[in-house]
C-alpha cells in the first residue's frame, strides 16, 4: 500500500478541522494493538515456556525450537491460548477510552453534586 493510499484512508475519517473522532481513534488504537499482539503473543508463549521449564532436563532449546515444537505437538492454536484475555485488555486500557470515561464520570459526579446542593439550598421547608 502506497503512502498516498494511507493518507486517503486517514482523510476519509477526519472532520473538517482535520481531527479524528475519539471513537475512531479508540477503534484504531485497539486494532493496532490487536495487530501487534497477533505477532508478539506466540513469542510471549515461547518465552514463558522457556522460563518455566525444568533446567536439569530442558524440553526446549531456544525460541524457534520452542515455537516449532509447540506448533508440531499441540497445534497452532496452542500458541494463542489465552489470547482473548489480552484482546479484552487492549481495548479496556486504551488511553483515550480511559480519558473519555474519566471525563464522563467526573461530569456526572459534578452534575449530581450540583443537583444535591441546589436541592439542599432551595428545597428546604
PDB file of N, CA and C in Angstrom:
ATOM      1  N   UNK A   1       0.850  -1.173   0.000  1.00  0.00           N
ATOM      2  CA  UNK A   1       0.000   0.000   0.000  1.00  0.00           C
ATOM      3  C   UNK A   1       0.894   1.233   0.000  1.00  0.00           C
ATOM      4  N   UNK A   2       0.644   2.113  -0.891  1.00  0.00           N
ATOM      5  CA  UNK A   2       1.486   3.306  -1.001  1.00  0.00           C
ATOM      6  C   UNK A   2       1.096   4.335   0.055  1.00  0.00           C
ATOM      7  N   UNK A   3       1.980   5.292   0.268  1.00  0.00           N
ATOM      8  CA  UNK A   3       1.714   6.319   1.275  1.00  0.00           C
ATOM      9  C   UNK A   3       0.539   7.206   0.873  1.00  0.00           C
ATOM     10  N   UNK A   4       0.315   7.365  -0.435  1.00  0.00           N
ATOM     11  CA  UNK A   4      -0.825   8.153  -0.906  1.00  0.00           C
ATOM     12  C   UNK A   4      -2.127   7.473  -0.507  1.00  0.00           C
ATOM     13  N   UNK A   5      -2.189   6.145  -0.607  1.00  0.00           N
ATOM     14  CA  UNK A   5      -3.392   5.397  -0.223  1.00  0.00           C
ATOM     15  C   UNK A   5      -3.665   5.529   1.258  1.00  0.00           C
ATOM     16  N   UNK A   6      -2.617   5.478   2.062  1.00  0.00           N
ATOM     17  CA  UNK A   6      -2.783   5.600   3.509  1.00  0.00           C
ATOM     18  C   UNK A   6      -3.338   6.976   3.863  1.00  0.00           C
ATOM     19  N   UNK A   7      -2.821   8.029   3.231  1.00  0.00           N
ATOM     20  CA  UNK A   7      -3.319   9.365   3.510  1.00  0.00           C
ATOM     21  C   UNK A   7      -4.775   9.508   3.091  1.00  0.00           C
ATOM     22  N   UNK A   8      -5.177   8.872   2.011  1.00  0.00           N
ATOM     23  CA  UNK A   8      -6.580   8.938   1.581  1.00  0.00           C
ATOM     24  C   UNK A   8      -7.479   8.267   2.612  1.00  0.00           C
ATOM     25  N   UNK A   9      -7.041   7.132   3.136  1.00  0.00           N
ATOM     26  CA  UNK A   9      -7.839   6.428   4.149  1.00  0.00           C
ATOM     27  C   UNK A   9      -7.966   7.278   5.401  1.00  0.00           C
ATOM     28  N   UNK A  10      -6.861   7.868   5.844  1.00  0.00           N
ATOM     29  CA  UNK A  10      -6.889   8.704   7.043  1.00  0.00           C
ATOM     30  C   UNK A  10      -7.781   9.916   6.833  1.00  0.00           C
ATOM     31  N   UNK A  11      -7.694  10.556   5.687  1.00  0.00           N
ATOM     32  CA  UNK A  11      -8.506  11.743   5.423  1.00  0.00           C
ATOM     33  C   UNK A  11      -9.992  11.416   5.336  1.00  0.00           C
ATOM     34  N   UNK A  12     -10.352  10.204   4.999  1.00  0.00           N
ATOM     35  CA  UNK A  12     -11.762   9.809   4.978  1.00  0.00           C
ATOM     36  C   UNK A  12     -12.384   9.900   6.365  1.00  0.00           C
ATOM     37  N   UNK A  13     -11.568   9.712   7.398  1.00  0.00           N
ATOM     38  CA  UNK A  13     -12.086   9.659   8.759  1.00  0.00           C
ATOM     39  C   UNK A  13     -11.868  10.942   9.543  1.00  0.00           C
ATOM     40  N   UNK A  14     -11.388  11.986   8.892  1.00  0.00           N
ATOM     41  CA  UNK A  14     -11.170  13.270   9.555  1.00  0.00           C
ATOM     42  C   UNK A  14     -12.374  14.177   9.380  1.00  0.00           C
ATOM     43  N   UNK A  15     -12.553  15.060  10.361  1.00  0.00           N
ATOM     44  CA  UNK A  15     -13.605  16.059  10.217  1.00  0.00           C
ATOM     45  C   UNK A  15     -13.057  17.262   9.441  1.00  0.00           C
ATOM     46  N   UNK A  16     -13.855  18.314   9.350  1.00  0.00           N
ATOM     47  CA  UNK A  16     -13.452  19.461   8.538  1.00  0.00           C
ATOM     48  C   UNK A  16     -12.254  20.213   9.118  1.00  0.00           C
ATOM     49  N   UNK A  17     -11.972  20.053  10.411  1.00  0.00           N
ATOM     50  CA  UNK A  17     -10.835  20.721  11.044  1.00  0.00           C
ATOM     51  C   UNK A  17      -9.565  19.877  10.922  1.00  0.00           C
ATOM     52  N   UNK A  18      -9.716  18.614  10.633  1.00  0.00           N
ATOM     53  CA  UNK A  18      -8.557  17.739  10.491  1.00  0.00           C
ATOM     54  C   UNK A  18      -8.346  16.796  11.649  1.00  0.00           C
ATOM     55  N   UNK A  19      -9.353  16.644  12.505  1.00  0.00           N
ATOM     56  CA  UNK A  19      -9.239  15.743  13.648  1.00  0.00           C
ATOM     57  C   UNK A  19     -10.031  14.464  13.411  1.00  0.00           C
ATOM     58  N   UNK A  20      -9.563  13.406  14.036  1.00  0.00           N
ATOM     59  CA  UNK A  20     -10.281  12.130  14.009  1.00  0.00           C
ATOM     60  C   UNK A  20     -11.092  12.046  15.290  1.00  0.00           C
ATOM     61  N   UNK A  21     -12.334  11.559  15.198  1.00  0.00           N
ATOM     62  CA  UNK A  21     -13.189  11.478  16.383  1.00  0.00           C
ATOM     63  C   UNK A  21     -12.575  10.543  17.421  1.00  0.00           C
ATOM     64  N   UNK A  22     -12.973  10.752  18.678  1.00  0.00           N
ATOM     65  CA  UNK A  22     -12.442   9.918  19.764  1.00  0.00           C
ATOM     66  C   UNK A  22     -12.756   8.448  19.544  1.00  0.00           C
ATOM     67  N   UNK A  23     -13.969   8.164  19.109  1.00  0.00           N
ATOM     68  CA  UNK A  23     -14.362   6.762  18.934  1.00  0.00           C
ATOM     69  C   UNK A  23     -13.542   6.095  17.839  1.00  0.00           C
ATOM     70  N   UNK A  24     -13.285   6.808  16.763  1.00  0.00           N
ATOM     71  CA  UNK A  24     -12.465   6.231  15.693  1.00  0.00           C
ATOM     72  C   UNK A  24     -11.018   6.077  16.137  1.00  0.00           C
ATOM     73  N   UNK A  25     -10.533   7.016  16.936  1.00  0.00           N
ATOM     74  CA  UNK A  25      -9.167   6.908  17.459  1.00  0.00           C
ATOM     75  C   UNK A  25      -9.063   5.723  18.418  1.00  0.00           C
ATOM     76  N   UNK A  26     -10.075   5.515  19.243  1.00  0.00           N
ATOM     77  CA  UNK A  26     -10.087   4.370  20.152  1.00  0.00           C
ATOM     78  C   UNK A  26     -10.097   3.081  19.354  1.00  0.00           C
ATOM     79  N   UNK A  27     -10.935   3.019  18.333  1.00  0.00           N
ATOM     80  CA  UNK A  27     -11.011   1.824  17.498  1.00  0.00           C
ATOM     81  C   UNK A  27      -9.694   1.571  16.772  1.00  0.00           C
ATOM     82  N   UNK A  28      -9.099   2.622  16.224  1.00  0.00           N
ATOM     83  CA  UNK A  28      -7.828   2.470  15.515  1.00  0.00           C
ATOM     84  C   UNK A  28      -6.726   2.005  16.459  1.00  0.00           C
ATOM     85  N   UNK A  29      -6.685   2.563  17.659  1.00  0.00           N
ATOM     86  CA  UNK A  29      -5.696   2.141  18.643  1.00  0.00           C
ATOM     87  C   UNK A  29      -5.889   0.695  19.056  1.00  0.00           C
ATOM     88  N   UNK A  30      -7.133   0.309  19.231  1.00  0.00           N
ATOM     89  CA  UNK A  30      -7.416  -1.078  19.590  1.00  0.00           C
ATOM     90  C   UNK A  30      -7.026  -2.052  18.490  1.00  0.00           C
ATOM     91  N   UNK A  31      -7.335  -1.688  17.250  1.00  0.00           N
ATOM     92  CA  UNK A  31      -6.971  -2.558  16.128  1.00  0.00           C
ATOM     93  C   UNK A  31      -5.461  -2.647  15.943  1.00  0.00           C
ATOM     94  N   UNK A  32      -4.762  -1.546  16.188  1.00  0.00           N
ATOM     95  CA  UNK A  32      -3.298  -1.578  16.116  1.00  0.00           C
ATOM     96  C   UNK A  32      -2.735  -2.486  17.197  1.00  0.00           C
ATOM     97  N   UNK A  33      -3.332  -2.442  18.369  1.00  0.00           N
ATOM     98  CA  UNK A  33      -2.910  -3.329  19.451  1.00  0.00           C
ATOM     99  C   UNK A  33      -3.140  -4.787  19.125  1.00  0.00           C
ATOM    100  N   UNK A  34      -4.279  -5.069  18.494  1.00  0.00           N
ATOM    101  CA  UNK A  34      -4.579  -6.457  18.093  1.00  0.00           C
ATOM    102  C   UNK A  34      -3.570  -6.939  17.065  1.00  0.00           C
ATOM    103  N   UNK A  35      -3.260  -6.096  16.088  1.00  0.00           N
ATOM    104  CA  UNK A  35      -2.292  -6.486  15.059  1.00  0.00           C
ATOM    105  C   UNK A  35      -0.921  -6.768  15.675  1.00  0.00           C
ATOM    106  N   UNK A  36      -0.505  -5.926  16.599  1.00  0.00           N
ATOM    107  CA  UNK A  36       0.792  -6.144  17.252  1.00  0.00           C
ATOM    108  C   UNK A  36       0.778  -7.411  18.096  1.00  0.00           C
ATOM    109  N   UNK A  37      -0.321  -7.650  18.793  1.00  0.00           N
ATOM    110  CA  UNK A  37      -0.406  -8.828  19.657  1.00  0.00           C
ATOM    111  C   UNK A  37      -0.446 -10.120  18.850  1.00  0.00           C
ATOM    112  N   UNK A  38      -1.055 -10.088  17.674  1.00  0.00           N
ATOM    113  CA  UNK A  38      -1.080 -11.288  16.833  1.00  0.00           C
ATOM    114  C   UNK A  38       0.330 -11.754  16.485  1.00  0.00           C
ATOM    115  N   UNK A  39       1.226 -10.813  16.347  1.00  0.00           N
ATOM    116  CA  UNK A  39       2.609 -11.148  16.006  1.00  0.00           C
ATOM    117  C   UNK A  39       3.412 -11.523  17.252  1.00  0.00           C
ATOM    118  N   UNK A  40       3.219 -10.789  18.339  1.00  0.00           N
ATOM    119  CA  UNK A  40       4.083 -10.974  19.503  1.00  0.00           C
ATOM    120  C   UNK A  40       3.606 -12.020  20.495  1.00  0.00           C
ATOM    121  N   UNK A  41       2.315 -12.350  20.506  1.00  0.00           N
ATOM    122  CA  UNK A  41       1.794 -13.276  21.517  1.00  0.00           C
ATOM    123  C   UNK A  41       2.463 -14.651  21.466  1.00  0.00           C
ATOM    124  N   UNK A  42       2.660 -15.249  20.292  1.00  0.00           N
ATOM    125  CA  UNK A  42       3.368 -16.536  20.276  1.00  0.00           C
ATOM    126  C   UNK A  42       4.783 -16.449  20.852  1.00  0.00           C
ATOM    127  N   UNK A  43       5.436 -15.318  20.683  1.00  0.00           N
ATOM    128  CA  UNK A  43       6.771 -15.141  21.270  1.00  0.00           C
ATOM    129  C   UNK A  43       6.695 -15.100  22.790  1.00  0.00           C
ATOM    130  N   UNK A  44       5.631 -14.505  23.327  1.00  0.00           N
ATOM    131  CA  UNK A  44       5.446 -14.485  24.773  1.00  0.00           C
ATOM    132  C   UNK A  44       5.169 -15.883  25.310  1.00  0.00           C
ATOM    133  N   UNK A  45       4.405 -16.672  24.558  1.00  0.00           N
ATOM    134  CA  UNK A  45       4.145 -18.062  24.953  1.00  0.00           C
ATOM    135  C   UNK A  45       5.458 -18.839  24.986  1.00  0.00           C
ATOM    136  N   UNK A  46       6.272 -18.669  23.953  1.00  0.00           N
ATOM    137  CA  UNK A  46       7.561 -19.360  23.901  1.00  0.00           C
ATOM    138  C   UNK A  46       8.454 -18.915  25.057  1.00  0.00           C
ATOM    139  N   UNK A  47       8.486 -17.629  25.327  1.00  0.00           N
ATOM    140  CA  UNK A  47       9.307 -17.116  26.433  1.00  0.00           C
ATOM    141  C   UNK A  47       8.859 -17.718  27.764  1.00  0.00           C
ATOM    142  N   UNK A  48       7.559 -17.780  27.973  1.00  0.00           N
ATOM    143  CA  UNK A  48       7.032 -18.346  29.212  1.00  0.00           C
ATOM    144  C   UNK A  48       7.422 -19.802  29.364  1.00  0.00           C
ATOM    145  N   UNK A  49       7.299 -20.561  28.302  1.00  0.00           N
ATOM    146  CA  UNK A  49       7.661 -21.984  28.371  1.00  0.00           C
ATOM    147  C   UNK A  49       9.152 -22.174  28.601  1.00  0.00           C
ATOM    148  N   UNK A  50       9.962 -21.329  28.010  1.00  0.00           N
ATOM    149  CA  UNK A  50      11.404 -21.422  28.229  1.00  0.00           C
ATOM    150  C   UNK A  50      11.771 -21.101  29.678  1.00  0.00           C
ATOM    151  N   UNK A  51      11.079 -20.151  30.266  1.00  0.00           N
ATOM    152  CA  UNK A  51      11.391 -19.731  31.628  1.00  0.00           C
ATOM    153  C   UNK A  51      10.961 -20.776  32.653  1.00  0.00           C
ATOM    154  N   UNK A  52       9.812 -21.393  32.460  1.00  0.00           N
ATOM    155  CA  UNK A  52       9.280 -22.300  33.482  1.00  0.00           C
ATOM    156  C   UNK A  52       9.701 -23.756  33.293  1.00  0.00           C
ATOM    157  N   UNK A  53      10.458 -24.057  32.276  1.00  0.00           N
ATOM    158  CA  UNK A  53      10.859 -25.450  32.061  1.00  0.00           C
ATOM    159  C   UNK A  53      11.894 -25.897  33.102  1.00  0.00           C
ATOM    160  N   UNK A  54      12.028 -27.192  33.236  1.00  0.00           N
ATOM    161  CA  UNK A  54      12.997 -27.777  34.145  1.00  0.00           C
ATOM    162  C   UNK A  54      14.397 -27.557  33.568  1.00  0.00           C
ATOM    163  N   UNK A  55      15.254 -26.864  34.303  1.00  0.00           N
ATOM    164  CA  UNK A  55      16.580 -26.540  33.762  1.00  0.00           C
ATOM    165  C   UNK A  55      17.501 -27.771  33.733  1.00  0.00           C
ATOM    166  N   UNK A  56      17.207 -28.814  34.514  1.00  0.00           N
ATOM    167  CA  UNK A  56      18.040 -30.024  34.501  1.00  0.00           C
ATOM    168  C   UNK A  56      17.720 -30.907  33.297  1.00  0.00           C
ATOM    169  N   UNK A  57      16.455 -30.893  32.876  1.00  0.00           N
ATOM    170  CA  UNK A  57      16.028 -31.659  31.698  1.00  0.00           C
ATOM    171  C   UNK A  57      15.213 -30.733  30.799  1.00  0.00           C
ATOM    172  N   UNK A  58      15.870 -29.846  30.084  1.00  0.00           N
ATOM    173  CA  UNK A  58      15.123 -28.865  29.274  1.00  0.00           C
ATOM    174  C   UNK A  58      14.353 -29.525  28.125  1.00  0.00           C
ATOM    175  N   UNK A  59      13.129 -29.063  27.962  1.00  0.00           N
ATOM    176  CA  UNK A  59      12.279 -29.526  26.875  1.00  0.00           C
ATOM    177  C   UNK A  59      12.540 -28.704  25.620  1.00  0.00           C
ATOM    178  N   UNK A  60      12.837 -27.426  25.813  1.00  0.00           N
ATOM    179  CA  UNK A  60      13.019 -26.500  24.704  1.00  0.00           C
ATOM    180  C   UNK A  60      14.441 -25.936  24.730  1.00  0.00           C
ATOM    181  N   UNK A  61      15.005 -25.694  23.531  1.00  0.00           N
ATOM    182  CA  UNK A  61      16.383 -25.212  23.427  1.00  0.00           C
ATOM    183  C   UNK A  61      16.434 -23.700  23.183  1.00  0.00           C
ATOM    184  N   UNK A  62      15.556 -23.185  22.367  1.00  0.00           N
ATOM    185  CA  UNK A  62      15.535 -21.758  22.037  1.00  0.00           C
ATOM    186  C   UNK A  62      14.146 -21.353  21.588  1.00  0.00           C
ATOM    187  N   UNK A  63      14.003 -20.108  21.191  1.00  0.00           N
ATOM    188  CA  UNK A  63      12.692 -19.584  20.812  1.00  0.00           C
ATOM    189  C   UNK A  63      12.139 -20.295  19.580  1.00  0.00           C
ATOM    190  N   UNK A  64      12.931 -20.417  18.542  1.00  0.00           N
ATOM    191  CA  UNK A  64      12.472 -21.060  17.304  1.00  0.00           C
ATOM    192  C   UNK A  64      12.132 -22.524  17.568  1.00  0.00           C
ATOM    193  N   UNK A  65      12.977 -23.214  18.332  1.00  0.00           N
ATOM    194  CA  UNK A  65      12.712 -24.618  18.668  1.00  0.00           C
ATOM    195  C   UNK A  65      11.421 -24.735  19.478  1.00  0.00           C
ATOM    196  N   UNK A  66      11.218 -23.821  20.412  1.00  0.00           N
ATOM    197  CA  UNK A  66      10.002 -23.834  21.227  1.00  0.00           C
ATOM    198  C   UNK A  66       8.765 -23.628  20.367  1.00  0.00           C
ATOM    199  N   UNK A  67       8.803 -22.625  19.497  1.00  0.00           N
ATOM    200  CA  UNK A  67       7.654 -22.356  18.627  1.00  0.00           C
ATOM    201  C   UNK A  67       7.342 -23.541  17.727  1.00  0.00           C
ATOM    202  N   UNK A  68       8.375 -24.131  17.124  1.00  0.00           N
ATOM    203  CA  UNK A  68       8.127 -25.254  16.211  1.00  0.00           C
ATOM    204  C   UNK A  68       7.633 -26.482  16.968  1.00  0.00           C
ATOM    205  N   UNK A  69       8.160 -26.721  18.179  1.00  0.00           N
ATOM    206  CA  UNK A  69       7.727 -27.891  18.950  1.00  0.00           C
ATOM    207  C   UNK A  69       6.280 -27.738  19.426  1.00  0.00           C
ATOM    208  N   UNK A  70       5.915 -26.548  19.844  1.00  0.00           N
ATOM    209  CA  UNK A  70       4.520 -26.301  20.242  1.00  0.00           C
ATOM    210  C   UNK A  70       3.606 -26.461  19.039  1.00  0.00           C
ATOM    211  N   UNK A  71       4.001 -25.904  17.901  1.00  0.00           N
ATOM    212  CA  UNK A  71       3.178 -25.987  16.688  1.00  0.00           C
ATOM    213  C   UNK A  71       3.001 -27.439  16.245  1.00  0.00           C
ATOM    214  N   UNK A  72       4.088 -28.217  16.239  1.00  0.00           N
ATOM    215  CA  UNK A  72       4.000 -29.621  15.820  1.00  0.00           C
ATOM    216  C   UNK A  72       3.238 -30.473  16.830  1.00  0.00           C
ATOM    217  N   UNK A  73       3.500 -30.266  18.107  1.00  0.00           N
ATOM    218  CA  UNK A  73       2.905 -31.129  19.128  1.00  0.00           C
ATOM    219  C   UNK A  73       1.497 -30.772  19.546  1.00  0.00           C
ATOM    220  N   UNK A  74       1.194 -29.480  19.620  1.00  0.00           N
ATOM    221  CA  UNK A  74      -0.096 -29.047  20.164  1.00  0.00           C
ATOM    222  C   UNK A  74      -0.970 -28.303  19.159  1.00  0.00           C
ATOM    223  N   UNK A  75      -0.391 -27.924  18.039  1.00  0.00           N
ATOM    224  CA  UNK A  75      -1.157 -27.202  17.025  1.00  0.00           C
ATOM    225  C   UNK A  75      -0.971 -25.703  17.127  1.00  0.00           C
ATOM    226  N   UNK A  76      -1.394 -25.012  16.094  1.00  0.00           N
ATOM    227  CA  UNK A  76      -1.238 -23.564  16.004  1.00  0.00           C
ATOM    228  C   UNK A  76      -2.010 -22.832  17.101  1.00  0.00           C
ATOM    229  N   UNK A  77      -3.177 -23.343  17.467  1.00  0.00           N
ATOM    230  CA  UNK A  77      -3.995 -22.665  18.475  1.00  0.00           C
ATOM    231  C   UNK A  77      -3.330 -22.637  19.846  1.00  0.00           C
ATOM    232  N   UNK A  78      -2.426 -23.562  20.108  1.00  0.00           N
ATOM    233  CA  UNK A  78      -1.720 -23.567  21.396  1.00  0.00           C
ATOM    234  C   UNK A  78      -0.856 -22.321  21.555  1.00  0.00           C
ATOM    235  N   UNK A  79      -0.395 -21.762  20.453  1.00  0.00           N
ATOM    236  CA  UNK A  79       0.411 -20.544  20.515  1.00  0.00           C
ATOM    237  C   UNK A  79      -0.431 -19.320  20.864  1.00  0.00           C
ATOM    238  N   UNK A  80      -1.741 -19.436  20.733  1.00  0.00           N
ATOM    239  CA  UNK A  80      -2.643 -18.321  21.009  1.00  0.00           C
ATOM    240  C   UNK A  80      -3.585 -18.611  22.174  1.00  0.00           C
ATOM    241  N   UNK A  81      -3.278 -19.600  22.981  1.00  0.00           N
ATOM    242  CA  UNK A  81      -4.103 -19.915  24.149  1.00  0.00           C
ATOM    243  C   UNK A  81      -4.024 -18.743  25.127  1.00  0.00           C
ATOM    244  N   UNK A  82      -5.172 -18.207  25.539  1.00  0.00           N
ATOM    245  CA  UNK A  82      -5.217 -17.053  26.431  1.00  0.00           C
ATOM    246  C   UNK A  82      -5.190 -15.718  25.711  1.00  0.00           C
ATOM    247  N   UNK A  83      -5.179 -15.744  24.406  1.00  0.00           N
ATOM    248  CA  UNK A  83      -5.105 -14.516  23.610  1.00  0.00           C
ATOM    249  C   UNK A  83      -6.336 -13.638  23.785  1.00  0.00           C
ATOM    250  N   UNK A  84      -7.494 -14.254  23.994  1.00  0.00           N
ATOM    251  CA  UNK A  84      -8.738 -13.478  24.110  1.00  0.00           C
ATOM    252  C   UNK A  84      -8.688 -12.533  25.310  1.00  0.00           C
ATOM    253  N   UNK A  85      -8.054 -12.935  26.392  1.00  0.00           N
ATOM    254  CA  UNK A  85      -7.929 -12.046  27.544  1.00  0.00           C
ATOM    255  C   UNK A  85      -7.040 -10.853  27.229  1.00  0.00           C
ATOM    256  N   UNK A  86      -6.020 -11.079  26.439  1.00  0.00           N
ATOM    257  CA  UNK A  86      -5.167  -9.969  26.022  1.00  0.00           C
ATOM    258  C   UNK A  86      -5.940  -8.981  25.159  1.00  0.00           C
ATOM    259  N   UNK A  87      -6.811  -9.507  24.311  1.00  0.00           N
ATOM    260  CA  UNK A  87      -7.626  -8.630  23.465  1.00  0.00           C
ATOM    261  C   UNK A  87      -8.539  -7.747  24.305  1.00  0.00           C
ATOM    262  N   UNK A  88      -9.141  -8.320  25.326  1.00  0.00           N
ATOM    263  CA  UNK A  88     -10.002  -7.516  26.194  1.00  0.00           C
ATOM    264  C   UNK A  88      -9.214  -6.402  26.861  1.00  0.00           C
ATOM    265  N   UNK A  89      -8.014  -6.704  27.279  1.00  0.00           N
ATOM    266  CA  UNK A  89      -7.182  -5.712  27.927  1.00  0.00           C
ATOM    267  C   UNK A  89      -6.762  -4.580  27.012  1.00  0.00           C
ATOM    268  N   UNK A  90      -6.565  -4.884  25.734  1.00  0.00           N
ATOM    269  CA  UNK A  90      -6.129  -3.851  24.791  1.00  0.00           C
ATOM    270  C   UNK A  90      -7.162  -2.752  24.640  1.00  0.00           C
ATOM    271  N   UNK A  91      -8.413  -3.131  24.520  1.00  0.00           N
ATOM    272  CA  UNK A  91      -9.445  -2.128  24.326  1.00  0.00           C
ATOM    273  C   UNK A  91      -9.765  -1.411  25.638  1.00  0.00           C
ATOM    274  N   UNK A  92      -9.694  -2.137  26.753  1.00  0.00           N
ATOM    275  CA  UNK A  92     -10.037  -1.528  28.035  1.00  0.00           C
ATOM    276  C   UNK A  92      -9.000  -0.513  28.487  1.00  0.00           C
ATOM    277  N   UNK A  93      -7.746  -0.710  28.131  1.00  0.00           N
ATOM    278  CA  UNK A  93      -6.693   0.171  28.601  1.00  0.00           C
ATOM    279  C   UNK A  93      -6.237   1.187  27.563  1.00  0.00           C
ATOM    280  N   UNK A  94      -7.026   1.374  26.551  1.00  0.00           N
ATOM    281  CA  UNK A  94      -6.697   2.409  25.576  1.00  0.00           C
ATOM    282  C   UNK A  94      -6.759   3.760  26.289  1.00  0.00           C
ATOM    283  N   UNK A  95      -5.718   4.557  26.133  1.00  0.00           N
ATOM    284  CA  UNK A  95      -5.624   5.836  26.852  1.00  0.00           C
ATOM    285  C   UNK A  95      -6.822   6.734  26.584  1.00  0.00           C
ATOM    286  N   UNK A  96      -7.199   6.846  25.338  1.00  0.00           N
ATOM    287  CA  UNK A  96      -8.298   7.750  25.016  1.00  0.00           C
ATOM    288  C   UNK A  96      -9.610   7.270  25.612  1.00  0.00           C
ATOM    289  N   UNK A  97      -9.799   5.968  25.651  1.00  0.00           N
ATOM    290  CA  UNK A  97     -11.027   5.440  26.244  1.00  0.00           C
ATOM    291  C   UNK A  97     -11.057   5.739  27.737  1.00  0.00           C
ATOM    292  N   UNK A  98      -9.955   5.501  28.419  1.00  0.00           N
ATOM    293  CA  UNK A  98      -9.913   5.784  29.854  1.00  0.00           C
ATOM    294  C   UNK A  98     -10.105   7.272  30.124  1.00  0.00           C
ATOM    295  N   UNK A  99      -9.462   8.096  29.321  1.00  0.00           N
ATOM    296  CA  UNK A  99      -9.604   9.544  29.483  1.00  0.00           C
ATOM    297  C   UNK A  99     -11.058   9.957  29.287  1.00  0.00           C
ATOM    298  N   UNK A 100     -11.672   9.452  28.253  1.00  0.00           N
ATOM    299  CA  UNK A 100     -13.068   9.776  27.958  1.00  0.00           C
ATOM    300  C   UNK A 100     -13.975   9.319  29.101  1.00  0.00           C
ATOM    301  N   UNK A 101     -13.768   8.109  29.587  1.00  0.00           N
ATOM    302  CA  UNK A 101     -14.610   7.596  30.667  1.00  0.00           C
ATOM    303  C   UNK A 101     -14.427   8.412  31.950  1.00  0.00           C
ATOM    304  N   UNK A 102     -13.204   8.826  32.239  1.00  0.00           N
ATOM    305  CA  UNK A 102     -12.954   9.661  33.423  1.00  0.00           C
ATOM    306  C   UNK A 102     -13.663  11.001  33.301  1.00  0.00           C
ATOM    307  N   UNK A 103     -13.594  11.614  32.137  1.00  0.00           N
ATOM    308  CA  UNK A 103     -14.264  12.898  31.935  1.00  0.00           C
ATOM    309  C   UNK A 103     -15.775  12.743  32.113  1.00  0.00           C
ATOM    310  N   UNK A 104     -16.345  11.700  31.554  1.00  0.00           N
ATOM    311  CA  UNK A 104     -17.789  11.472  31.674  1.00  0.00           C
ATOM    312  C   UNK A 104     -18.177  11.231  33.132  1.00  0.00           C
ATOM    313  N   UNK A 105     -17.399  10.400  33.831  1.00  0.00           N
ATOM    314  CA  UNK A 105     -17.716  10.114  35.231  1.00  0.00           C
ATOM    315  C   UNK A 105     -17.590  11.357  36.103  1.00  0.00           C
ATOM    316  N   UNK A 106     -16.570  12.167  35.882  1.00  0.00           N
ATOM    317  CA  UNK A 106     -16.410  13.400  36.661  1.00  0.00           C
ATOM    318  C   UNK A 106     -17.558  14.357  36.360  1.00  0.00           C
ATOM    319  N   UNK A 107     -17.934  14.457  35.104  1.00  0.00           N
ATOM    320  CA  UNK A 107     -19.057  15.324  34.735  1.00  0.00           C
ATOM    321  C   UNK A 107     -20.338  14.867  35.430  1.00  0.00           C
ATOM    322  N   UNK A 108     -20.599  13.565  35.419  1.00  0.00           N
ATOM    323  CA  UNK A 108     -21.805  13.046  36.070  1.00  0.00           C
ATOM    324  C   UNK A 108     -21.763  13.282  37.574  1.00  0.00           C
ATOM    325  N   UNK A 109     -20.593  13.095  38.173  1.00  0.00           N
ATOM    326  CA  UNK A 109     -20.448  13.326  39.608  1.00  0.00           C
ATOM    327  C   UNK A 109     -20.687  14.790  39.948  1.00  0.00           C
ATOM    328  N   UNK A 110     -20.113  15.699  39.175  1.00  0.00           N
ATOM    329  CA  UNK A 110     -20.311  17.123  39.430  1.00  0.00           C
ATOM    330  C   UNK A 110     -21.766  17.530  39.216  1.00  0.00           C
ATOM    331  N   UNK A 111     -22.408  16.970  38.225  1.00  0.00           N
ATOM    332  CA  UNK A 111     -23.826  17.259  37.984  1.00  0.00           C
ATOM    333  C   UNK A 111     -24.670  16.784  39.159  1.00  0.00           C
ATOM    334  N   UNK A 112     -24.361  15.609  39.667  1.00  0.00           N
ATOM    335  CA  UNK A 112     -25.088  15.061  40.815  1.00  0.00           C
ATOM    336  C   UNK A 112     -24.866  15.921  42.058  1.00  0.00           C
ATOM    337  N   UNK A 113     -23.620  16.344  42.295  1.00  0.00           N
ATOM    338  CA  UNK A 113     -23.326  17.204  43.446  1.00  0.00           C
ATOM    339  C   UNK A 113     -24.019  18.559  43.325  1.00  0.00           C
ATOM    340  N   UNK A 114     -24.035  19.111  42.116  1.00  0.00           N
ATOM    341  CA  UNK A 114     -24.698  20.394  41.893  1.00  0.00           C
ATOM    342  C   UNK A 114     -26.193  20.273  42.166  1.00  0.00           C
ATOM    343  N   UNK A 115     -26.803  19.186  41.675  1.00  0.00           N
ATOM    344  CA  UNK A 115     -28.233  18.983  41.899  1.00  0.00           C
ATOM    345  C   UNK A 115     -28.516  18.786  43.385  1.00  0.00           C
ATOM    346  N   UNK A 116     -27.645  18.071  44.088  1.00  0.00           N
ATOM    347  CA  UNK A 116     -27.841  17.853  45.523  1.00  0.00           C
ATOM    348  C   UNK A 116     -27.711  19.165  46.287  1.00  0.00           C
ATOM    349  N   UNK A 117     -26.720  19.969  45.939  1.00  0.00           N
ATOM    350  CA  UNK A 117     -26.530  21.253  46.611  1.00  0.00           C
ATOM    351  C   UNK A 117     -27.706  22.183  46.351  1.00  0.00           C
ATOM    352  N   UNK A 118     -28.201  22.208  45.124  1.00  0.00           N
ATOM    353  CA  UNK A 118     -29.365  23.031  44.783  1.00  0.00           C
ATOM    354  C   UNK A 118     -30.571  22.589  45.595  1.00  0.00           C
ATOM    355  N   UNK A 119     -30.763  21.293  45.680  1.00  0.00           N
ATOM    356  CA  UNK A 119     -31.895  20.753  46.428  1.00  0.00           C
ATOM    357  C   UNK A 119     -31.786  21.127  47.906  1.00  0.00           C
ATOM    358  N   UNK A 120     -30.590  21.027  48.482  1.00  0.00           N
ATOM    359  CA  UNK A 120     -30.411  21.360  49.896  1.00  0.00           C
ATOM    360  C   UNK A 120     -30.642  22.841  50.157  1.00  0.00           C
ATOM    361  N   UNK A 121     -30.198  23.696  49.267  1.00  0.00           N
ATOM    362  CA  UNK A 121     -30.309  25.135  49.486  1.00  0.00           C
ATOM    363  C   UNK A 121     -31.705  25.680  49.220  1.00  0.00           C
ATOM    364  N   UNK A 122     -32.376  25.171  48.202  1.00  0.00           N
ATOM    365  CA  UNK A 122     -33.636  25.786  47.757  1.00  0.00           C
ATOM    366  C   UNK A 122     -34.877  24.993  48.083  1.00  0.00           C
ATOM    367  N   UNK A 123     -34.749  23.789  48.496  1.00  0.00           N
ATOM    368  CA  UNK A 123     -35.941  22.969  48.688  1.00  0.00           C
ATOM    369  C   UNK A 123     -36.177  22.589  50.145  1.00  0.00           C
ATOM    370  N   UNK A 124     -35.614  23.342  51.076  1.00  0.00           N
ATOM    371  CA  UNK A 124     -35.863  23.050  52.490  1.00  0.00           C
ATOM    372  C   UNK A 124     -37.170  23.680  52.906  1.00  0.00           C
ATOM    373  N   UNK A 125     -37.958  22.943  53.696  1.00  0.00           N
ATOM    374  CA  UNK A 125     -39.233  23.507  54.117  1.00  0.00           C
ATOM    375  C   UNK A 125     -39.244  23.923  55.555  1.00  0.00           C
TER     376      UNK A 125
END
